[in-house]
N, C-alpha and C. Protein backbone atom coordinates (compact mmCIF):
# COMPACT_ATOMS: atom_id res chain seq x y z
N MET A 1 95.99 179.19 119.79
CA MET A 1 94.59 179.11 119.40
C MET A 1 94.30 180.28 118.47
N THR A 2 93.67 179.99 117.34
CA THR A 2 93.31 181.01 116.36
C THR A 2 91.83 180.90 116.05
N ALA A 3 91.16 182.03 115.94
CA ALA A 3 89.74 182.05 115.58
C ALA A 3 89.56 182.95 114.36
N GLU A 4 88.59 182.60 113.54
CA GLU A 4 88.35 183.36 112.31
C GLU A 4 86.86 183.48 112.07
N ILE A 5 86.43 184.66 111.62
CA ILE A 5 85.05 184.91 111.23
C ILE A 5 85.08 185.54 109.85
N PHE A 6 84.27 185.01 108.95
CA PHE A 6 84.21 185.53 107.59
C PHE A 6 82.75 185.66 107.19
N GLY A 7 82.40 186.76 106.56
CA GLY A 7 81.02 186.96 106.12
C GLY A 7 80.97 187.55 104.73
N ASN A 8 79.89 187.27 104.03
CA ASN A 8 79.69 187.79 102.68
C ASN A 8 78.22 188.19 102.54
N TYR A 9 77.98 189.44 102.17
CA TYR A 9 76.62 189.93 101.98
C TYR A 9 76.47 190.44 100.56
N ARG A 10 75.41 190.02 99.91
CA ARG A 10 75.09 190.54 98.58
C ARG A 10 73.70 191.16 98.66
N SER A 11 73.61 192.43 98.35
CA SER A 11 72.32 193.12 98.47
C SER A 11 71.41 192.72 97.31
N SER A 12 70.12 192.96 97.49
CA SER A 12 69.16 192.65 96.44
C SER A 12 69.35 193.61 95.26
N GLN A 13 68.95 193.16 94.09
CA GLN A 13 69.11 193.96 92.88
C GLN A 13 67.75 194.17 92.23
N LYS A 14 67.47 195.38 91.87
CA LYS A 14 66.23 195.71 91.16
C LYS A 14 66.53 195.76 89.67
N ASN A 15 65.64 195.19 88.85
CA ASN A 15 65.80 195.30 87.41
C ASN A 15 64.44 195.64 86.79
N LEU A 16 64.37 195.66 85.49
CA LEU A 16 63.16 196.13 84.82
C LEU A 16 61.93 195.27 85.10
N GLN A 17 62.12 193.97 85.26
CA GLN A 17 60.97 193.09 85.43
C GLN A 17 60.76 192.59 86.86
N GLY A 18 61.56 193.00 87.80
CA GLY A 18 61.38 192.52 89.17
C GLY A 18 62.61 192.74 90.01
N ASP A 19 62.91 191.78 90.88
CA ASP A 19 64.08 191.92 91.73
C ASP A 19 64.75 190.57 91.93
N ARG A 20 66.03 190.62 92.30
CA ARG A 20 66.81 189.44 92.66
C ARG A 20 67.05 189.50 94.16
N PRO A 21 67.04 188.37 94.84
CA PRO A 21 67.11 188.38 96.31
C PRO A 21 68.51 188.70 96.84
N SER A 22 68.53 189.16 98.07
CA SER A 22 69.80 189.38 98.77
C SER A 22 70.23 188.06 99.41
N SER A 23 71.50 188.00 99.83
CA SER A 23 71.98 186.79 100.50
C SER A 23 73.06 187.18 101.51
N PHE A 24 73.15 186.38 102.55
CA PHE A 24 74.16 186.57 103.59
C PHE A 24 74.71 185.20 103.95
N PHE A 25 76.04 185.08 103.97
CA PHE A 25 76.72 183.82 104.22
C PHE A 25 77.87 184.10 105.18
N TYR A 26 78.08 183.22 106.17
CA TYR A 26 79.17 183.45 107.12
C TYR A 26 79.82 182.13 107.51
N ASN A 27 81.10 182.22 107.86
CA ASN A 27 81.88 181.07 108.33
C ASN A 27 82.49 181.40 109.68
N LEU A 28 82.58 180.40 110.53
CA LEU A 28 83.27 180.50 111.82
C LEU A 28 84.30 179.37 111.86
N ALA A 29 85.50 179.66 112.33
CA ALA A 29 86.53 178.63 112.39
C ALA A 29 87.40 178.83 113.62
N VAL A 30 87.88 177.71 114.17
CA VAL A 30 88.80 177.72 115.31
C VAL A 30 89.90 176.72 115.00
N ARG A 31 91.16 177.11 115.24
CA ARG A 31 92.30 176.25 114.97
C ARG A 31 93.24 176.28 116.16
N LYS A 32 93.72 175.11 116.54
CA LYS A 32 94.68 174.97 117.64
C LYS A 32 95.95 174.34 117.10
N LYS A 33 97.09 175.02 117.30
CA LYS A 33 98.39 174.49 116.88
C LYS A 33 99.03 173.74 118.04
N PHE A 34 99.75 172.66 117.71
CA PHE A 34 100.45 171.88 118.72
C PHE A 34 101.67 171.23 118.09
N TRP A 35 102.41 170.45 118.85
CA TRP A 35 103.69 169.85 118.44
C TRP A 35 104.64 170.92 117.89
N HIS A 36 104.91 171.93 118.70
CA HIS A 36 105.80 173.05 118.36
C HIS A 36 105.36 173.75 117.07
N LYS A 37 104.05 173.95 116.92
CA LYS A 37 103.43 174.63 115.79
C LYS A 37 103.61 173.89 114.46
N ALA A 38 103.96 172.61 114.51
CA ALA A 38 104.10 171.82 113.28
C ALA A 38 102.77 171.20 112.86
N ALA A 39 101.85 171.03 113.78
CA ALA A 39 100.55 170.43 113.47
C ALA A 39 99.44 171.33 113.99
N SER A 40 98.29 171.18 113.38
CA SER A 40 97.13 171.94 113.85
C SER A 40 95.85 171.16 113.60
N LEU A 41 94.89 171.41 114.45
CA LEU A 41 93.58 170.79 114.35
C LEU A 41 92.56 171.92 114.32
N GLY A 42 91.67 171.88 113.34
CA GLY A 42 90.70 172.96 113.19
C GLY A 42 89.28 172.46 113.06
N VAL A 43 88.35 173.31 113.45
CA VAL A 43 86.92 173.06 113.30
C VAL A 43 86.35 174.25 112.56
N THR A 44 85.59 174.00 111.50
CA THR A 44 85.00 175.09 110.73
C THR A 44 83.50 174.86 110.60
N MET A 45 82.75 175.96 110.60
CA MET A 45 81.30 175.91 110.50
C MET A 45 80.84 176.97 109.51
N ALA A 46 80.01 176.58 108.56
CA ALA A 46 79.41 177.52 107.62
C ALA A 46 77.93 177.65 107.98
N ASN A 47 77.49 178.83 108.26
CA ASN A 47 76.11 179.12 108.67
C ASN A 47 75.61 178.12 109.72
N PRO A 48 76.25 178.03 110.88
CA PRO A 48 75.86 177.02 111.85
C PRO A 48 74.46 177.21 112.44
N PHE A 49 73.89 178.40 112.34
CA PHE A 49 72.59 178.67 112.95
C PHE A 49 71.45 178.68 111.94
N ASN A 50 71.76 178.55 110.65
CA ASN A 50 70.73 178.53 109.60
C ASN A 50 70.99 177.35 108.67
N LYS A 51 70.04 176.43 108.60
CA LYS A 51 70.23 175.28 107.73
C LYS A 51 70.05 175.67 106.26
N TYR A 52 69.13 176.57 105.99
CA TYR A 52 68.85 177.02 104.62
C TYR A 52 68.93 178.54 104.52
N MET A 53 69.27 179.02 103.34
CA MET A 53 69.21 180.45 103.04
C MET A 53 68.00 180.63 102.13
N LYS A 54 66.98 181.32 102.62
CA LYS A 54 65.75 181.51 101.86
C LYS A 54 65.92 182.70 100.92
N GLN A 55 65.66 182.47 99.63
CA GLN A 55 65.77 183.53 98.63
C GLN A 55 64.43 183.65 97.91
N ARG A 56 63.88 184.85 97.91
CA ARG A 56 62.59 185.13 97.26
C ARG A 56 62.82 186.16 96.18
N SER A 57 62.46 185.82 94.95
CA SER A 57 62.60 186.76 93.84
C SER A 57 61.27 186.89 93.12
N THR A 58 61.06 188.05 92.52
CA THR A 58 59.81 188.30 91.79
C THR A 58 60.14 188.79 90.39
N LYS A 59 59.30 188.42 89.46
CA LYS A 59 59.36 188.93 88.09
C LYS A 59 57.93 189.22 87.66
N PHE A 60 57.77 190.28 86.90
CA PHE A 60 56.43 190.62 86.45
C PHE A 60 56.51 191.28 85.09
N GLY A 61 55.43 191.19 84.37
CA GLY A 61 55.35 191.79 83.04
C GLY A 61 53.90 192.11 82.72
N GLU A 62 53.67 192.34 81.45
CA GLU A 62 52.34 192.73 81.01
C GLU A 62 51.30 191.63 81.26
N SER A 63 51.69 190.38 81.04
CA SER A 63 50.72 189.29 81.16
C SER A 63 51.12 188.21 82.16
N PHE A 64 52.10 188.50 83.05
CA PHE A 64 52.49 187.49 84.02
C PHE A 64 53.00 188.13 85.31
N ASN A 65 52.94 187.35 86.36
CA ASN A 65 53.49 187.73 87.66
C ASN A 65 54.07 186.45 88.26
N GLN A 66 55.37 186.42 88.54
CA GLN A 66 56.05 185.21 88.99
C GLN A 66 56.78 185.46 90.29
N VAL A 67 56.63 184.53 91.23
CA VAL A 67 57.35 184.58 92.50
C VAL A 67 58.11 183.27 92.65
N ASN A 68 59.41 183.33 92.87
CA ASN A 68 60.25 182.14 93.10
C ASN A 68 60.76 182.17 94.53
N ILE A 69 60.61 181.07 95.23
CA ILE A 69 61.16 180.94 96.58
C ILE A 69 62.09 179.74 96.57
N ARG A 70 63.36 180.00 96.89
CA ARG A 70 64.36 178.93 96.93
C ARG A 70 64.91 178.81 98.34
N ASP A 71 65.07 177.58 98.80
CA ASP A 71 65.76 177.30 100.06
C ASP A 71 67.09 176.66 99.69
N VAL A 72 68.16 177.42 99.80
CA VAL A 72 69.49 176.94 99.42
C VAL A 72 70.17 176.36 100.66
N PRO A 73 70.56 175.07 100.64
CA PRO A 73 71.24 174.49 101.82
C PRO A 73 72.65 175.07 101.96
N VAL A 74 72.91 175.70 103.08
CA VAL A 74 74.20 176.36 103.28
C VAL A 74 74.93 175.91 104.54
N GLN A 75 74.28 175.16 105.38
CA GLN A 75 74.90 174.78 106.65
C GLN A 75 75.86 173.62 106.45
N SER A 76 77.07 173.75 106.99
CA SER A 76 78.04 172.65 106.93
C SER A 76 79.01 172.76 108.10
N PHE A 77 79.61 171.62 108.43
CA PHE A 77 80.58 171.54 109.51
C PHE A 77 81.76 170.73 109.01
N GLY A 78 82.96 171.08 109.46
CA GLY A 78 84.14 170.35 109.02
C GLY A 78 85.24 170.33 110.06
N ILE A 79 86.12 169.34 109.91
CA ILE A 79 87.29 169.20 110.78
C ILE A 79 88.50 169.09 109.87
N SER A 80 89.58 169.79 110.22
CA SER A 80 90.80 169.72 109.41
C SER A 80 92.00 169.41 110.31
N LEU A 81 92.92 168.67 109.76
CA LEU A 81 94.17 168.34 110.43
C LEU A 81 95.30 168.62 109.46
N SER A 82 96.28 169.40 109.88
CA SER A 82 97.42 169.69 109.00
C SER A 82 98.72 169.48 109.75
N TYR A 83 99.77 169.16 108.98
CA TYR A 83 101.09 168.93 109.55
C TYR A 83 102.13 169.46 108.57
N LYS A 84 103.13 170.20 109.08
CA LYS A 84 104.20 170.76 108.26
C LYS A 84 105.40 169.81 108.27
N PHE A 85 105.90 169.50 107.10
CA PHE A 85 107.08 168.66 106.96
C PHE A 85 108.27 169.54 106.59
N GLY A 86 109.42 169.36 107.22
CA GLY A 86 110.63 170.11 106.88
C GLY A 86 110.56 171.56 107.33
N LYS A 87 111.56 172.31 106.89
CA LYS A 87 111.64 173.72 107.24
C LYS A 87 111.78 174.54 105.97
N LEU A 88 111.18 175.70 105.96
CA LEU A 88 111.29 176.63 104.85
C LEU A 88 112.23 177.75 105.26
N GLU A 89 113.29 177.95 104.48
CA GLU A 89 114.24 179.01 104.78
C GLU A 89 114.17 180.06 103.70
N ILE A 90 114.01 181.30 104.12
CA ILE A 90 113.97 182.43 103.20
C ILE A 90 115.22 183.27 103.46
N LYS A 91 116.05 183.39 102.43
CA LYS A 91 117.28 184.17 102.56
C LYS A 91 117.10 185.50 101.85
N LYS A 92 117.49 186.55 102.53
CA LYS A 92 117.39 187.87 101.96
C LYS A 92 118.71 188.17 101.25
N GLY A 93 118.62 188.57 100.01
CA GLY A 93 119.83 188.86 99.26
C GLY A 93 119.51 189.48 97.92
N GLU A 94 120.55 189.69 97.14
CA GLU A 94 120.39 190.31 95.83
C GLU A 94 119.90 189.27 94.83
N SER A 95 118.94 189.66 94.00
CA SER A 95 118.40 188.72 93.03
C SER A 95 119.32 188.61 91.82
N ASP A 96 119.07 187.59 91.02
CA ASP A 96 119.92 187.33 89.86
C ASP A 96 119.75 188.36 88.76
N HIS A 97 118.57 188.96 88.65
CA HIS A 97 118.30 189.87 87.52
C HIS A 97 118.09 191.31 87.97
N ASN A 98 118.47 191.65 89.16
CA ASN A 98 118.37 193.02 89.68
C ASN A 98 116.95 193.59 89.56
N ASN A 99 115.94 192.76 89.79
CA ASN A 99 114.54 193.16 89.78
C ASN A 99 114.06 193.72 88.45
N GLU A 100 114.73 193.39 87.34
CA GLU A 100 114.28 193.82 86.02
C GLU A 100 113.30 192.80 85.46
N PRO A 101 112.26 193.27 84.79
CA PRO A 101 111.31 192.31 84.22
C PRO A 101 111.97 191.48 83.12
N GLN A 102 111.55 190.24 83.02
CA GLN A 102 112.11 189.36 81.99
C GLN A 102 111.31 189.53 80.72
N LEU A 103 112.01 189.64 79.59
CA LEU A 103 111.36 189.74 78.29
C LEU A 103 111.25 188.36 77.67
N PRO A 104 110.15 188.09 76.98
CA PRO A 104 110.02 186.77 76.36
C PRO A 104 111.01 186.58 75.23
N ALA A 105 111.48 185.35 75.05
CA ALA A 105 112.42 185.05 73.98
C ALA A 105 111.65 184.94 72.67
N ILE A 106 112.26 185.47 71.60
CA ILE A 106 111.62 185.43 70.28
C ILE A 106 112.23 184.35 69.42
């Protein structure tokens, strides 16, 4: 059983005419391997507790004042199934070019 948590935060930005909103986004995932680790079944959730990410930005100038409010849909759920075919073998040994960079042919 494997669990994963991922988050991304972007702070608000101030500029000459106003500000840009901050945002926070997170993912939760759980994966279970079976059939001798050849297959796995996973469940993933993006922002499972918030259906929308509310973003409020303002702009202002000499003759205007603007407020934008956006509700960005961020909530999602997914299921994944994966299966490995064959075996991957990695052999440790000396390389053909002794780790020298290859030069392009002219």
